[in-house]
Amino acid sequence: MRRKIVICGVDTSCLPRFTAKESANLLVRVKSGDNAAREKFVYGNLRLVLSVVQRYTHRCDSPDDLFQIGCVGLIKAVENFDVSHGVRFSTYAVPMIAGEIRRYIRESNSLRVSRGIR
């Protein structure tokens, strides 16, 4: 049985799951400029965003905000991913999503702390 998690109005139990071959085919279509494939690929990888968001929910009041920022990271990962390197998309996307979330948390803090002090 699939666990139902609704975040930002998205029911994660209804999201599609892709095999490695389907994912690779969609990525090739995305890189050729197919917007429908891009939307389908992003929608299918929202679980990836959710898994990263769960690591940072203790640092922020709103998991919905983190989810939205994570989606920005996912879209950036889709745009910048290079299929020719032979790595899985999730290997590239997770650090990109986490980086966007960390940047949001750092910039939304009311106190600015220089990196040298941290």
PDB file of N, CA and C in Angstrom:
ATOM      1  N   MET A   1       0.848  -1.175   0.000  1.00  0.00           N
ATOM      2  CA  MET A   1       0.000   0.000   0.000  1.00  0.00           C
ATOM      3  C   MET A   1       0.897   1.243   0.000  1.00  0.00           C
ATOM      4  N   ARG A   2       0.539   2.200  -0.821  1.00  0.00           N
ATOM      5  CA  ARG A   2       1.294   3.454  -0.906  1.00  0.00           C
ATOM      6  C   ARG A   2       0.872   4.391   0.211  1.00  0.00           C
ATOM      7  N   ARG A   3       1.862   5.084   0.760  1.00  0.00           N
ATOM      8  CA  ARG A   3       1.562   6.085   1.780  1.00  0.00           C
ATOM      9  C   ARG A   3       1.124   7.356   1.094  1.00  0.00           C
ATOM     10  N   LYS A   4       0.068   7.941   1.587  1.00  0.00           N
ATOM     11  CA  LYS A   4      -0.447   9.174   1.008  1.00  0.00           C
ATOM     12  C   LYS A   4       0.096  10.357   1.791  1.00  0.00           C
ATOM     13  N   ILE A   5       0.851  11.205   1.096  1.00  0.00           N
ATOM     14  CA  ILE A   5       1.349  12.436   1.679  1.00  0.00           C
ATOM     15  C   ILE A   5       0.911  13.557   0.757  1.00  0.00           C
ATOM     16  N   VAL A   6       0.210  14.536   1.315  1.00  0.00           N
ATOM     17  CA  VAL A   6      -0.210  15.689   0.522  1.00  0.00           C
ATOM     18  C   VAL A   6       0.590  16.890   0.998  1.00  0.00           C
ATOM     19  N   ILE A   7       1.331  17.458   0.073  1.00  0.00           N
ATOM     20  CA  ILE A   7       2.130  18.637   0.378  1.00  0.00           C
ATOM     21  C   ILE A   7       1.992  19.595  -0.791  1.00  0.00           C
ATOM     22  N   CYS A   8       1.717  20.842  -0.500  1.00  0.00           N
ATOM     23  CA  CYS A   8       1.478  21.862  -1.528  1.00  0.00           C
ATOM     24  C   CYS A   8       0.391  21.426  -2.506  1.00  0.00           C
ATOM     25  N   GLY A   9      -0.585  20.697  -2.028  1.00  0.00           N
ATOM     26  CA  GLY A   9      -1.680  20.265  -2.886  1.00  0.00           C
ATOM     27  C   GLY A   9      -1.339  19.096  -3.790  1.00  0.00           C
ATOM     28  N   VAL A  10      -0.174  18.484  -3.619  1.00  0.00           N
ATOM     29  CA  VAL A  10       0.231  17.351  -4.457  1.00  0.00           C
ATOM     30  C   VAL A  10       0.114  16.076  -3.635  1.00  0.00           C
ATOM     31  N   ASP A  11      -0.705  15.139  -4.134  1.00  0.00           N
ATOM     32  CA  ASP A  11      -0.850  13.841  -3.485  1.00  0.00           C
ATOM     33  C   ASP A  11       0.248  12.929  -4.022  1.00  0.00           C
ATOM     34  N   THR A  12       1.231  12.642  -3.190  1.00  0.00           N
ATOM     35  CA  THR A  12       2.391  11.893  -3.657  1.00  0.00           C
ATOM     36  C   THR A  12       2.072  10.441  -3.994  1.00  0.00           C
ATOM     37  N   SER A  13       0.969   9.917  -3.502  1.00  0.00           N
ATOM     38  CA  SER A  13       0.635   8.530  -3.832  1.00  0.00           C
ATOM     39  C   SER A  13       0.165   8.397  -5.278  1.00  0.00           C
ATOM     40  N   CYS A  14      -0.187   9.501  -5.914  1.00  0.00           N
ATOM     41  CA  CYS A  14      -0.647   9.478  -7.300  1.00  0.00           C
ATOM     42  C   CYS A  14       0.456   9.816  -8.304  1.00  0.00           C
ATOM     43  N   LEU A  15       1.639  10.120  -7.825  1.00  0.00           N
ATOM     44  CA  LEU A  15       2.728  10.494  -8.732  1.00  0.00           C
ATOM     45  C   LEU A  15       3.228   9.277  -9.493  1.00  0.00           C
ATOM     46  N   PRO A  16       3.582   9.459 -10.756  1.00  0.00           N
ATOM     47  CA  PRO A  16       4.082   8.309 -11.533  1.00  0.00           C
ATOM     48  C   PRO A  16       5.466   7.885 -11.073  1.00  0.00           C
ATOM     49  N   ARG A  17       5.761   6.609 -11.274  1.00  0.00           N
ATOM     50  CA  ARG A  17       7.088   6.068 -10.995  1.00  0.00           C
ATOM     51  C   ARG A  17       7.687   5.635 -12.328  1.00  0.00           C
ATOM     52  N   PHE A  18       8.935   6.009 -12.547  1.00  0.00           N
ATOM     53  CA  PHE A  18       9.597   5.688 -13.803  1.00  0.00           C
ATOM     54  C   PHE A  18      10.663   4.625 -13.589  1.00  0.00           C
ATOM     55  N   THR A  19      10.780   3.728 -14.569  1.00  0.00           N
ATOM     56  CA  THR A  19      11.912   2.814 -14.578  1.00  0.00           C
ATOM     57  C   THR A  19      13.125   3.600 -15.084  1.00  0.00           C
ATOM     58  N   ALA A  20      14.299   3.000 -14.974  1.00  0.00           N
ATOM     59  CA  ALA A  20      15.506   3.686 -15.441  1.00  0.00           C
ATOM     60  C   ALA A  20      15.431   3.961 -16.934  1.00  0.00           C
ATOM     61  N   LYS A  21      14.876   3.025 -17.678  1.00  0.00           N
ATOM     62  CA  LYS A  21      14.772   3.193 -19.131  1.00  0.00           C
ATOM     63  C   LYS A  21      13.784   4.300 -19.483  1.00  0.00           C
ATOM     64  N   GLU A  22      12.634   4.330 -18.788  1.00  0.00           N
ATOM     65  CA  GLU A  22      11.640   5.390 -19.034  1.00  0.00           C
ATOM     66  C   GLU A  22      12.222   6.762 -18.690  1.00  0.00           C
ATOM     67  N   SER A  23      12.949   6.816 -17.589  1.00  0.00           N
ATOM     68  CA  SER A  23      13.557   8.069 -17.164  1.00  0.00           C
ATOM     69  C   SER A  23      14.567   8.558 -18.196  1.00  0.00           C
ATOM     70  N   ALA A  24      15.390   7.645 -18.694  1.00  0.00           N
ATOM     71  CA  ALA A  24      16.393   8.016 -19.694  1.00  0.00           C
ATOM     72  C   ALA A  24      15.720   8.506 -20.973  1.00  0.00           C
ATOM     73  N   ASN A  25      14.655   7.820 -21.397  1.00  0.00           N
ATOM     74  CA  ASN A  25      13.941   8.239 -22.607  1.00  0.00           C
ATOM     75  C   ASN A  25      13.302   9.609 -22.435  1.00  0.00           C
ATOM     76  N   LEU A  26      12.721   9.847 -21.268  1.00  0.00           N
ATOM     77  CA  LEU A  26      12.122  11.155 -21.003  1.00  0.00           C
ATOM     78  C   LEU A  26      13.184  12.255 -20.989  1.00  0.00           C
ATOM     79  N   LEU A  27      14.329  11.963 -20.404  1.00  0.00           N
ATOM     80  CA  LEU A  27      15.402  12.966 -20.362  1.00  0.00           C
ATOM     81  C   LEU A  27      15.896  13.328 -21.760  1.00  0.00           C
ATOM     82  N   VAL A  28      15.984  12.340 -22.624  1.00  0.00           N
ATOM     83  CA  VAL A  28      16.398  12.622 -24.004  1.00  0.00           C
ATOM     84  C   VAL A  28      15.368  13.525 -24.680  1.00  0.00           C
ATOM     85  N   ARG A  29      14.080  13.240 -24.448  1.00  0.00           N
ATOM     86  CA  ARG A  29      13.020  14.086 -25.017  1.00  0.00           C
ATOM     87  C   ARG A  29      13.051  15.486 -24.417  1.00  0.00           C
ATOM     88  N   VAL A  30      13.340  15.573 -23.122  1.00  0.00           N
ATOM     89  CA  VAL A  30      13.421  16.880 -22.459  1.00  0.00           C
ATOM     90  C   VAL A  30      14.553  17.696 -23.074  1.00  0.00           C
ATOM     91  N   LYS A  31      15.701  17.064 -23.266  1.00  0.00           N
ATOM     92  CA  LYS A  31      16.855  17.778 -23.828  1.00  0.00           C
ATOM     93  C   LYS A  31      16.632  18.193 -25.279  1.00  0.00           C
ATOM     94  N   SER A  32      15.710  17.513 -25.968  1.00  0.00           N
ATOM     95  CA  SER A  32      15.406  17.907 -27.350  1.00  0.00           C
ATOM     96  C   SER A  32      14.353  19.012 -27.404  1.00  0.00           C
ATOM     97  N   GLY A  33      13.855  19.444 -26.237  1.00  0.00           N
ATOM     98  CA  GLY A  33      12.942  20.582 -26.187  1.00  0.00           C
ATOM     99  C   GLY A  33      11.469  20.236 -26.039  1.00  0.00           C
ATOM    100  N   ASP A  34      11.157  19.002 -25.682  1.00  0.00           N
ATOM    101  CA  ASP A  34       9.764  18.575 -25.524  1.00  0.00           C
ATOM    102  C   ASP A  34       9.244  19.041 -24.160  1.00  0.00           C
ATOM    103  N   ASN A  35       8.384  20.053 -24.155  1.00  0.00           N
ATOM    104  CA  ASN A  35       7.869  20.604 -22.892  1.00  0.00           C
ATOM    105  C   ASN A  35       6.937  19.646 -22.164  1.00  0.00           C
ATOM    106  N   ALA A  36       6.182  18.845 -22.896  1.00  0.00           N
ATOM    107  CA  ALA A  36       5.292  17.869 -22.252  1.00  0.00           C
ATOM    108  C   ALA A  36       6.117  16.823 -21.502  1.00  0.00           C
ATOM    109  N   ALA A  37       7.212  16.374 -22.108  1.00  0.00           N
ATOM    110  CA  ALA A  37       8.096  15.408 -21.446  1.00  0.00           C
ATOM    111  C   ALA A  37       8.756  16.040 -20.230  1.00  0.00           C
ATOM    112  N   ARG A  38       9.108  17.317 -20.333  1.00  0.00           N
ATOM    113  CA  ARG A  38       9.730  18.034 -19.205  1.00  0.00           C
ATOM    114  C   ARG A  38       8.767  18.099 -18.022  1.00  0.00           C
ATOM    115  N   GLU A  39       7.525  18.462 -18.309  1.00  0.00           N
ATOM    116  CA  GLU A  39       6.528  18.542 -17.240  1.00  0.00           C
ATOM    117  C   GLU A  39       6.292  17.174 -16.607  1.00  0.00           C
ATOM    118  N   LYS A  40       6.197  16.144 -17.428  1.00  0.00           N
ATOM    119  CA  LYS A  40       5.977  14.786 -16.929  1.00  0.00           C
ATOM    120  C   LYS A  40       7.159  14.330 -16.080  1.00  0.00           C
ATOM    121  N   PHE A  41       8.376  14.649 -16.525  1.00  0.00           N
ATOM    122  CA  PHE A  41       9.574  14.248 -15.798  1.00  0.00           C
ATOM    123  C   PHE A  41       9.668  14.967 -14.453  1.00  0.00           C
ATOM    124  N   VAL A  42       9.397  16.255 -14.445  1.00  0.00           N
ATOM    125  CA  VAL A  42       9.428  17.012 -13.185  1.00  0.00           C
ATOM    126  C   VAL A  42       8.357  16.494 -12.235  1.00  0.00           C
ATOM    127  N   TYR A  43       7.160  16.277 -12.748  1.00  0.00           N
ATOM    128  CA  TYR A  43       6.062  15.775 -11.920  1.00  0.00           C
ATOM    129  C   TYR A  43       6.397  14.398 -11.354  1.00  0.00           C
ATOM    130  N   GLY A  44       7.042  13.566 -12.138  1.00  0.00           N
ATOM    131  CA  GLY A  44       7.407  12.228 -11.687  1.00  0.00           C
ATOM    132  C   GLY A  44       8.529  12.202 -10.671  1.00  0.00           C
ATOM    133  N   ASN A  45       9.288  13.276 -10.566  1.00  0.00           N
ATOM    134  CA  ASN A  45      10.407  13.328  -9.624  1.00  0.00           C
ATOM    135  C   ASN A  45      10.115  14.169  -8.383  1.00  0.00           C
ATOM    136  N   LEU A  46       8.863  14.505  -8.156  1.00  0.00           N
ATOM    137  CA  LEU A  46       8.518  15.286  -6.967  1.00  0.00           C
ATOM    138  C   LEU A  46       8.768  14.507  -5.676  1.00  0.00           C
ATOM    139  N   ARG A  47       8.739  13.172  -5.751  1.00  0.00           N
ATOM    140  CA  ARG A  47       9.065  12.374  -4.568  1.00  0.00           C
ATOM    141  C   ARG A  47      10.511  12.631  -4.128  1.00  0.00           C
ATOM    142  N   LEU A  48      11.366  12.850  -5.101  1.00  0.00           N
ATOM    143  CA  LEU A  48      12.763  13.159  -4.817  1.00  0.00           C
ATOM    144  C   LEU A  48      12.864  14.444  -4.002  1.00  0.00           C
ATOM    145  N   VAL A  49      12.078  15.443  -4.391  1.00  0.00           N
ATOM    146  CA  VAL A  49      12.052  16.711  -3.651  1.00  0.00           C
ATOM    147  C   VAL A  49      11.547  16.465  -2.232  1.00  0.00           C
ATOM    148  N   LEU A  50      10.497  15.684  -2.110  1.00  0.00           N
ATOM    149  CA  LEU A  50       9.930  15.403  -0.793  1.00  0.00           C
ATOM    150  C   LEU A  50      10.949  14.717   0.110  1.00  0.00           C
ATOM    151  N   SER A  51      11.728  13.787  -0.437  1.00  0.00           N
ATOM    152  CA  SER A  51      12.717  13.088   0.389  1.00  0.00           C
ATOM    153  C   SER A  51      13.795  14.044   0.890  1.00  0.00           C
ATOM    154  N   VAL A  52      14.156  15.030   0.092  1.00  0.00           N
ATOM    155  CA  VAL A  52      15.159  16.012   0.531  1.00  0.00           C
ATOM    156  C   VAL A  52      14.540  16.977   1.537  1.00  0.00           C
ATOM    157  N   VAL A  53      13.306  17.396   1.300  1.00  0.00           N
ATOM    158  CA  VAL A  53      12.619  18.336   2.195  1.00  0.00           C
ATOM    159  C   VAL A  53      12.511  17.765   3.606  1.00  0.00           C
ATOM    160  N   GLN A  54      12.298  16.472   3.716  1.00  0.00           N
ATOM    161  CA  GLN A  54      12.133  15.854   5.032  1.00  0.00           C
ATOM    162  C   GLN A  54      13.388  15.999   5.896  1.00  0.00           C
ATOM    163  N   ARG A  55      14.551  16.192   5.282  1.00  0.00           N
ATOM    164  CA  ARG A  55      15.785  16.392   6.052  1.00  0.00           C
ATOM    165  C   ARG A  55      15.841  17.774   6.698  1.00  0.00           C
ATOM    166  N   TYR A  56      15.093  18.730   6.145  1.00  0.00           N
ATOM    167  CA  TYR A  56      15.215  20.130   6.576  1.00  0.00           C
ATOM    168  C   TYR A  56      13.959  20.672   7.253  1.00  0.00           C
ATOM    169  N   THR A  57      12.950  19.859   7.493  1.00  0.00           N
ATOM    170  CA  THR A  57      11.703  20.375   8.068  1.00  0.00           C
ATOM    171  C   THR A  57      11.892  20.930   9.476  1.00  0.00           C
ATOM    172  N   HIS A  58      12.877  20.466  10.212  1.00  0.00           N
ATOM    173  CA  HIS A  58      13.105  20.974  11.574  1.00  0.00           C
ATOM    174  C   HIS A  58      13.702  22.376  11.571  1.00  0.00           C
ATOM    175  N   ARG A  59      14.213  22.836  10.435  1.00  0.00           N
ATOM    176  CA  ARG A  59      14.861  24.152  10.361  1.00  0.00           C
ATOM    177  C   ARG A  59      13.930  25.259   9.875  1.00  0.00           C
ATOM    178  N   CYS A  60      12.742  24.911   9.467  1.00  0.00           N
ATOM    179  CA  CYS A  60      11.860  25.910   8.865  1.00  0.00           C
ATOM    180  C   CYS A  60      10.438  25.673   9.350  1.00  0.00           C
ATOM    181  N   ASP A  61       9.676  26.754   9.433  1.00  0.00           N
ATOM    182  CA  ASP A  61       8.298  26.653   9.900  1.00  0.00           C
ATOM    183  C   ASP A  61       7.389  25.932   8.911  1.00  0.00           C
ATOM    184  N   SER A  62       7.591  26.173   7.629  1.00  0.00           N
ATOM    185  CA  SER A  62       6.653  25.679   6.628  1.00  0.00           C
ATOM    186  C   SER A  62       7.298  24.673   5.681  1.00  0.00           C
ATOM    187  N   PRO A  63       6.908  23.404   5.785  1.00  0.00           N
ATOM    188  CA  PRO A  63       7.422  22.423   4.829  1.00  0.00           C
ATOM    189  C   PRO A  63       6.939  22.706   3.403  1.00  0.00           C
ATOM    190  N   ASP A  64       5.801  23.389   3.279  1.00  0.00           N
ATOM    191  CA  ASP A  64       5.314  23.754   1.941  1.00  0.00           C
ATOM    192  C   ASP A  64       6.281  24.713   1.253  1.00  0.00           C
ATOM    193  N   ASP A  65       6.829  25.662   2.016  1.00  0.00           N
ATOM    194  CA  ASP A  65       7.817  26.577   1.443  1.00  0.00           C
ATOM    195  C   ASP A  65       9.060  25.817   0.983  1.00  0.00           C
ATOM    196  N   LEU A  66       9.509  24.903   1.827  1.00  0.00           N
ATOM    197  CA  LEU A  66      10.682  24.116   1.465  1.00  0.00           C
ATOM    198  C   LEU A  66      10.420  23.265   0.229  1.00  0.00           C
ATOM    199  N   PHE A  67       9.207  22.731   0.134  1.00  0.00           N
ATOM    200  CA  PHE A  67       8.846  21.911  -1.029  1.00  0.00           C
ATOM    201  C   PHE A  67       8.884  22.748  -2.301  1.00  0.00           C
ATOM    202  N   GLN A  68       8.361  23.952  -2.228  1.00  0.00           N
ATOM    203  CA  GLN A  68       8.366  24.827  -3.407  1.00  0.00           C
ATOM    204  C   GLN A  68       9.786  25.206  -3.806  1.00  0.00           C
ATOM    205  N   ILE A  69      10.628  25.508  -2.840  1.00  0.00           N
ATOM    206  CA  ILE A  69      12.028  25.831  -3.138  1.00  0.00           C
ATOM    207  C   ILE A  69      12.735  24.595  -3.693  1.00  0.00           C
ATOM    208  N   GLY A  70      12.421  23.443  -3.148  1.00  0.00           N
ATOM    209  CA  GLY A  70      12.989  22.198  -3.669  1.00  0.00           C
ATOM    210  C   GLY A  70      12.582  21.947  -5.111  1.00  0.00           C
ATOM    211  N   CYS A  71      11.362  22.328  -5.456  1.00  0.00           N
ATOM    212  CA  CYS A  71      10.909  22.189  -6.849  1.00  0.00           C
ATOM    213  C   CYS A  71      11.710  23.102  -7.776  1.00  0.00           C
ATOM    214  N   VAL A  72      12.083  24.268  -7.283  1.00  0.00           N
ATOM    215  CA  VAL A  72      12.944  25.161  -8.075  1.00  0.00           C
ATOM    216  C   VAL A  72      14.287  24.468  -8.322  1.00  0.00           C
ATOM    217  N   GLY A  73      14.830  23.839  -7.293  1.00  0.00           N
ATOM    218  CA  GLY A  73      16.080  23.096  -7.450  1.00  0.00           C
ATOM    219  C   GLY A  73      15.938  21.936  -8.424  1.00  0.00           C
ATOM    220  N   LEU A  74      14.790  21.255  -8.382  1.00  0.00           N
ATOM    221  CA  LEU A  74      14.537  20.150  -9.309  1.00  0.00           C
ATOM    222  C   LEU A  74      14.495  20.644 -10.747  1.00  0.00           C
ATOM    223  N   ILE A  75      13.826  21.757 -10.971  1.00  0.00           N
ATOM    224  CA  ILE A  75      13.740  22.313 -12.323  1.00  0.00           C
ATOM    225  C   ILE A  75      15.118  22.746 -12.814  1.00  0.00           C
ATOM    226  N   LYS A  76      15.908  23.344 -11.932  1.00  0.00           N
ATOM    227  CA  LYS A  76      17.279  23.710 -12.318  1.00  0.00           C
ATOM    228  C   LYS A  76      18.096  22.459 -12.663  1.00  0.00           C
ATOM    229  N   ALA A  77      17.893  21.394 -11.899  1.00  0.00           N
ATOM    230  CA  ALA A  77      18.616  20.149 -12.166  1.00  0.00           C
ATOM    231  C   ALA A  77      18.214  19.569 -13.517  1.00  0.00           C
ATOM    232  N   VAL A  78      16.928  19.623 -13.847  1.00  0.00           N
ATOM    233  CA  VAL A  78      16.465  19.121 -15.146  1.00  0.00           C
ATOM    234  C   VAL A  78      17.087  19.941 -16.270  1.00  0.00           C
ATOM    235  N   GLU A  79      17.143  21.245 -16.102  1.00  0.00           N
ATOM    236  CA  GLU A  79      17.686  22.112 -17.144  1.00  0.00           C
ATOM    237  C   GLU A  79      19.188  21.911 -17.342  1.00  0.00           C
ATOM    238  N   ASN A  80      19.920  21.640 -16.273  1.00  0.00           N
ATOM    239  CA  ASN A  80      21.373  21.580 -16.348  1.00  0.00           C
ATOM    240  C   ASN A  80      21.946  20.168 -16.465  1.00  0.00           C
ATOM    241  N   PHE A  81      21.117  19.144 -16.322  1.00  0.00           N
ATOM    242  CA  PHE A  81      21.602  17.767 -16.332  1.00  0.00           C
ATOM    243  C   PHE A  81      22.120  17.385 -17.716  1.00  0.00           C
ATOM    244  N   ASP A  82      23.266  16.720 -17.734  1.00  0.00           N
ATOM    245  CA  ASP A  82      23.871  16.270 -18.985  1.00  0.00           C
ATOM    246  C   ASP A  82      23.792  14.745 -19.048  1.00  0.00           C
ATOM    247  N   VAL A  83      23.007  14.245 -19.988  1.00  0.00           N
ATOM    248  CA  VAL A  83      22.768  12.810 -20.123  1.00  0.00           C
ATOM    249  C   VAL A  83      24.046  12.062 -20.497  1.00  0.00           C
ATOM    250  N   SER A  84      24.959  12.732 -21.178  1.00  0.00           N
ATOM    251  CA  SER A  84      26.154  12.062 -21.704  1.00  0.00           C
ATOM    252  C   SER A  84      27.142  11.625 -20.621  1.00  0.00           C
ATOM    253  N   HIS A  85      26.996  12.087 -19.396  1.00  0.00           N
ATOM    254  CA  HIS A  85      27.937  11.709 -18.336  1.00  0.00           C
ATOM    255  C   HIS A  85      27.677  10.316 -17.784  1.00  0.00           C
ATOM    256  N   GLY A  86      26.527   9.757 -18.059  1.00  0.00           N
ATOM    257  CA  GLY A  86      26.243   8.389 -17.645  1.00  0.00           C
ATOM    258  C   GLY A  86      25.936   8.203 -16.177  1.00  0.00           C
ATOM    259  N   VAL A  87      25.458   9.232 -15.486  1.00  0.00           N
ATOM    260  CA  VAL A  87      25.059   9.104 -14.088  1.00  0.00           C
ATOM    261  C   VAL A  87      23.540   9.201 -13.989  1.00  0.00           C
ATOM    262  N   ARG A  88      23.010   8.681 -12.904  1.00  0.00           N
ATOM    263  CA  ARG A  88      21.564   8.757 -12.700  1.00  0.00           C
ATOM    264  C   ARG A  88      21.167  10.195 -12.400  1.00  0.00           C
ATOM    265  N   PHE A  89      19.962  10.533 -12.802  1.00  0.00           N
ATOM    266  CA  PHE A  89      19.480  11.887 -12.588  1.00  0.00           C
ATOM    267  C   PHE A  89      19.420  12.222 -11.104  1.00  0.00           C
ATOM    268  N   SER A  90      18.978  11.288 -10.286  1.00  0.00           N
ATOM    269  CA  SER A  90      18.844  11.560  -8.852  1.00  0.00           C
ATOM    270  C   SER A  90      20.193  11.889  -8.215  1.00  0.00           C
ATOM    271  N   THR A  91      21.265  11.296  -8.715  1.00  0.00           N
ATOM    272  CA  THR A  91      22.602  11.580  -8.201  1.00  0.00           C
ATOM    273  C   THR A  91      22.953  13.053  -8.401  1.00  0.00           C
ATOM    274  N   TYR A  92      22.508  13.599  -9.510  1.00  0.00           N
ATOM    275  CA  TYR A  92      22.766  15.008  -9.811  1.00  0.00           C
ATOM    276  C   TYR A  92      21.758  15.920  -9.117  1.00  0.00           C
ATOM    277  N   ALA A  93      20.503  15.489  -9.063  1.00  0.00           N
ATOM    278  CA  ALA A  93      19.422  16.364  -8.601  1.00  0.00           C
ATOM    279  C   ALA A  93      19.401  16.574  -7.093  1.00  0.00           C
ATOM    280  N   VAL A  94      19.704  15.555  -6.315  1.00  0.00           N
ATOM    281  CA  VAL A  94      19.593  15.673  -4.853  1.00  0.00           C
ATOM    282  C   VAL A  94      20.481  16.792  -4.298  1.00  0.00           C
ATOM    283  N   PRO A  95      21.760  16.883  -4.675  1.00  0.00           N
ATOM    284  CA  PRO A  95      22.559  18.013  -4.170  1.00  0.00           C
ATOM    285  C   PRO A  95      22.048  19.374  -4.658  1.00  0.00           C
ATOM    286  N   MET A  96      21.508  19.415  -5.869  1.00  0.00           N
ATOM    287  CA  MET A  96      20.975  20.670  -6.403  1.00  0.00           C
ATOM    288  C   MET A  96      19.743  21.107  -5.596  1.00  0.00           C
ATOM    289  N   ILE A  97      18.856  20.172  -5.298  1.00  0.00           N
ATOM    290  CA  ILE A  97      17.657  20.459  -4.505  1.00  0.00           C
ATOM    291  C   ILE A  97      18.056  20.879  -3.090  1.00  0.00           C
ATOM    292  N   ALA A  98      18.960  20.120  -2.477  1.00  0.00           N
ATOM    293  CA  ALA A  98      19.408  20.432  -1.112  1.00  0.00           C
ATOM    294  C   ALA A  98      20.089  21.797  -1.062  1.00  0.00           C
ATOM    295  N   GLY A  99      20.852  22.126  -2.079  1.00  0.00           N
ATOM    296  CA  GLY A  99      21.528  23.420  -2.124  1.00  0.00           C
ATOM    297  C   GLY A  99      20.548  24.576  -2.190  1.00  0.00           C
ATOM    298  N   GLU A 100      19.505  24.426  -2.984  1.00  0.00           N
ATOM    299  CA  GLU A 100      18.477  25.472  -3.062  1.00  0.00           C
ATOM    300  C   GLU A 100      17.777  25.643  -1.714  1.00  0.00           C
ATOM    301  N   ILE A 101      17.481  24.530  -1.061  1.00  0.00           N
ATOM    302  CA  ILE A 101      16.801  24.597   0.239  1.00  0.00           C
ATOM    303  C   ILE A 101      17.715  25.245   1.289  1.00  0.00           C
ATOM    304  N   ARG A 102      18.987  24.844   1.319  1.00  0.00           N
ATOM    305  CA  ARG A 102      19.925  25.443   2.278  1.00  0.00           C
ATOM    306  C   ARG A 102      20.090  26.945   2.031  1.00  0.00           C
ATOM    307  N   ARG A 103      20.158  27.331   0.759  1.00  0.00           N
ATOM    308  CA  ARG A 103      20.286  28.756   0.441  1.00  0.00           C
ATOM    309  C   ARG A 103      19.053  29.518   0.916  1.00  0.00           C
ATOM    310  N   TYR A 104      17.872  28.948   0.720  1.00  0.00           N
ATOM    311  CA  TYR A 104      16.636  29.598   1.173  1.00  0.00           C
ATOM    312  C   TYR A 104      16.640  29.756   2.689  1.00  0.00           C
ATOM    313  N   ILE A 105      17.009  28.701   3.396  1.00  0.00           N
ATOM    314  CA  ILE A 105      17.028  28.764   4.867  1.00  0.00           C
ATOM    315  C   ILE A 105      18.044  29.801   5.333  1.00  0.00           C
ATOM    316  N   ARG A 106      19.212  29.820   4.697  1.00  0.00           N
ATOM    317  CA  ARG A 106      20.261  30.773   5.073  1.00  0.00           C
ATOM    318  C   ARG A 106      19.812  32.211   4.829  1.00  0.00           C
ATOM    319  N   GLU A 107      19.168  32.463   3.684  1.00  0.00           N
ATOM    320  CA  GLU A 107      18.767  33.826   3.343  1.00  0.00           C
ATOM    321  C   GLU A 107      17.500  34.283   4.050  1.00  0.00           C
ATOM    322  N   SER A 108      16.680  33.348   4.504  1.00  0.00           N
ATOM    323  CA  SER A 108      15.446  33.747   5.173  1.00  0.00           C
ATOM    324  C   SER A 108      15.645  33.951   6.670  1.00  0.00           C
ATOM    325  N   ASN A 109      16.812  33.656   7.170  1.00  0.00           N
ATOM    326  CA  ASN A 109      17.116  33.863   8.584  1.00  0.00           C
ATOM    327  C   ASN A 109      17.162  35.359   8.865  1.00  0.00           C
ATOM    328  N   SER A 110      16.602  35.768   9.974  1.00  0.00           N
ATOM    329  CA  SER A 110      16.565  37.194  10.302  1.00  0.00           C
ATOM    330  C   SER A 110      17.946  37.742  10.670  1.00  0.00           C
ATOM    331  N   LEU A 111      18.829  36.880  11.121  1.00  0.00           N
ATOM    332  CA  LEU A 111      20.195  37.297  11.446  1.00  0.00           C
ATOM    333  C   LEU A 111      21.136  36.839  10.332  1.00  0.00           C
ATOM    334  N   ARG A 112      21.949  37.749   9.845  1.00  0.00           N
ATOM    335  CA  ARG A 112      22.944  37.407   8.824  1.00  0.00           C
ATOM    336  C   ARG A 112      24.257  37.073   9.521  1.00  0.00           C
ATOM    337  N   VAL A 113      24.695  35.859   9.349  1.00  0.00           N
ATOM    338  CA  VAL A 113      25.941  35.422   9.953  1.00  0.00           C
ATOM    339  C   VAL A 113      26.923  35.146   8.820  1.00  0.00           C
ATOM    340  N   SER A 114      28.108  35.747   8.901  1.00  0.00           N
ATOM    341  CA  SER A 114      29.081  35.539   7.835  1.00  0.00           C
ATOM    342  C   SER A 114      29.549  34.088   7.844  1.00  0.00           C
ATOM    343  N   ARG A 115      29.996  33.620   6.697  1.00  0.00           N
ATOM    344  CA  ARG A 115      30.437  32.233   6.581  1.00  0.00           C
ATOM    345  C   ARG A 115      31.681  31.965   7.430  1.00  0.00           C
ATOM    346  N   GLY A 116      32.488  32.972   7.648  1.00  0.00           N
ATOM    347  CA  GLY A 116      33.686  32.800   8.460  1.00  0.00           C
ATOM    348  C   GLY A 116      33.367  32.487   9.916  1.00  0.00           C
ATOM    349  N   ILE A 117      32.260  33.002  10.416  1.00  0.00           N
ATOM    350  CA  ILE A 117      31.864  32.774  11.807  1.00  0.00           C
ATOM    351  C   ILE A 117      31.186  31.418  11.968  1.00  0.00           C
ATOM    352  N   ARG A 118      30.439  31.007  10.954  1.00  0.00           N
ATOM    353  CA  ARG A 118      29.748  29.717  11.044  1.00  0.00           C
ATOM    354  C   ARG A 118      30.760  28.649  11.159  1.00  0.00           C
TER     355      ARG A 118
END
